[in-house]
Amino acid sequence: MKTPKKRAVVTGDLVGVRIQPDMAKQLDDWRRKQEDIPGRPEAIRRLVELGLKVKVK
């Protein structure tokens, strides 16, 4: 069962992104592995958060 989508309290900046079909497939494969199966925008937000937490040497 899908959980209801929650809107952010504060409206953020809109960022439009085009992705190639191979990356879209990777994104869709990743999001289907998540417990709540987020939509593409939420999946992208989560992946960006993960990427920003990575420590770079």
C-alpha atoms as a PDB file:
ATOM      1  CA  MET A   1       0.000   0.000   0.000  1.00  0.00           C
ATOM      2  CA  LYS A   2       1.350   3.426  -0.935  1.00  0.00           C
ATOM      3  CA  THR A   3       1.756   6.018   1.777  1.00  0.00           C
ATOM      4  CA  PRO A   4       0.169   9.407   1.110  1.00  0.00           C
ATOM      5  CA  LYS A   5       2.544  11.990  -0.342  1.00  0.00           C
ATOM      6  CA  LYS A   6       3.533  14.733   2.075  1.00  0.00           C
ATOM      7  CA  ARG A   7       4.152  18.236   0.824  1.00  0.00           C
ATOM      8  CA  ALA A   8       7.087  20.168   2.150  1.00  0.00           C
ATOM      9  CA  VAL A   9       6.217  22.934   4.595  1.00  0.00           C
ATOM     10  CA  VAL A  10       8.257  25.430   2.565  1.00  0.00           C
ATOM     11  CA  THR A  11       8.112  25.602  -1.221  1.00  0.00           C
ATOM     12  CA  GLY A  12      11.585  25.055  -2.650  1.00  0.00           C
ATOM     13  CA  ASP A  13      13.212  26.012  -5.924  1.00  0.00           C
ATOM     14  CA  LEU A  14      12.009  24.209  -9.042  1.00  0.00           C
ATOM     15  CA  VAL A  15      14.828  22.411 -10.837  1.00  0.00           C
ATOM     16  CA  GLY A  16      14.077  20.847 -14.211  1.00  0.00           C
ATOM     17  CA  VAL A  17      16.265  17.912 -15.217  1.00  0.00           C
ATOM     18  CA  ARG A  18      16.358  15.819 -18.373  1.00  0.00           C
ATOM     19  CA  ILE A  19      17.724  12.300 -18.086  1.00  0.00           C
ATOM     20  CA  GLN A  20      18.588   9.833 -20.796  1.00  0.00           C
ATOM     21  CA  PRO A  21      16.592   6.582 -21.076  1.00  0.00           C
ATOM     22  CA  ASP A  22      19.376   4.452 -19.551  1.00  0.00           C
ATOM     23  CA  MET A  23      19.533   6.690 -16.465  1.00  0.00           C
ATOM     24  CA  ALA A  24      15.718   6.758 -16.239  1.00  0.00           C
ATOM     25  CA  LYS A  25      15.753   2.956 -16.155  1.00  0.00           C
ATOM     26  CA  GLN A  26      18.378   2.964 -13.388  1.00  0.00           C
ATOM     27  CA  LEU A  27      16.331   5.511 -11.449  1.00  0.00           C
ATOM     28  CA  ASP A  28      13.135   3.482 -11.851  1.00  0.00           C
ATOM     29  CA  ASP A  29      14.926   0.272 -10.838  1.00  0.00           C
ATOM     30  CA  TRP A  30      16.274   2.020  -7.704  1.00  0.00           C
ATOM     31  CA  ARG A  31      12.951   3.501  -6.665  1.00  0.00           C
ATOM     32  CA  ARG A  32      11.115   0.177  -7.097  1.00  0.00           C
ATOM     33  CA  LYS A  33      13.512  -1.320  -4.529  1.00  0.00           C
ATOM     34  CA  GLN A  34      12.411   1.263  -1.944  1.00  0.00           C
ATOM     35  CA  GLU A  35       9.758   0.202   0.539  1.00  0.00           C
ATOM     36  CA  ASP A  36       7.345   3.014  -0.376  1.00  0.00           C
ATOM     37  CA  ILE A  37       8.174   3.185  -4.122  1.00  0.00           C
ATOM     38  CA  PRO A  38       8.620   6.949  -4.389  1.00  0.00           C
ATOM     39  CA  GLY A  39       7.814   8.844  -7.561  1.00  0.00           C
ATOM     40  CA  ARG A  40      10.669  10.037  -9.732  1.00  0.00           C
ATOM     41  CA  PRO A  41      10.922  13.526  -8.169  1.00  0.00           C
ATOM     42  CA  GLU A  42      11.080  12.108  -4.625  1.00  0.00           C
ATOM     43  CA  ALA A  43      13.564   9.432  -5.711  1.00  0.00           C
ATOM     44  CA  ILE A  44      15.808  12.112  -7.215  1.00  0.00           C
ATOM     45  CA  ARG A  45      15.604  14.178  -4.006  1.00  0.00           C
ATOM     46  CA  ARG A  46      16.592  11.123  -1.928  1.00  0.00           C
ATOM     47  CA  LEU A  47      19.496  10.254  -4.200  1.00  0.00           C
ATOM     48  CA  VAL A  48      20.751  13.848  -4.127  1.00  0.00           C
ATOM     49  CA  GLU A  49      20.611  13.788  -0.302  1.00  0.00           C
ATOM     50  CA  LEU A  50      22.622  10.548  -0.283  1.00  0.00           C
ATOM     51  CA  GLY A  51      25.159  12.002  -2.701  1.00  0.00           C
ATOM     52  CA  LEU A  52      25.580  15.133  -0.608  1.00  0.00           C
ATOM     53  CA  LYS A  53      26.375  13.042   2.486  1.00  0.00           C
ATOM     54  CA  VAL A  54      29.300  11.265   0.805  1.00  0.00           C
ATOM     55  CA  LYS A  55      32.678  12.413   2.062  1.00  0.00           C
ATOM     56  CA  VAL A  56      35.039  13.424  -0.742  1.00  0.00           C
ATOM     57  CA  LYS A  57      38.778  13.092  -0.251  1.00  0.00           C
END
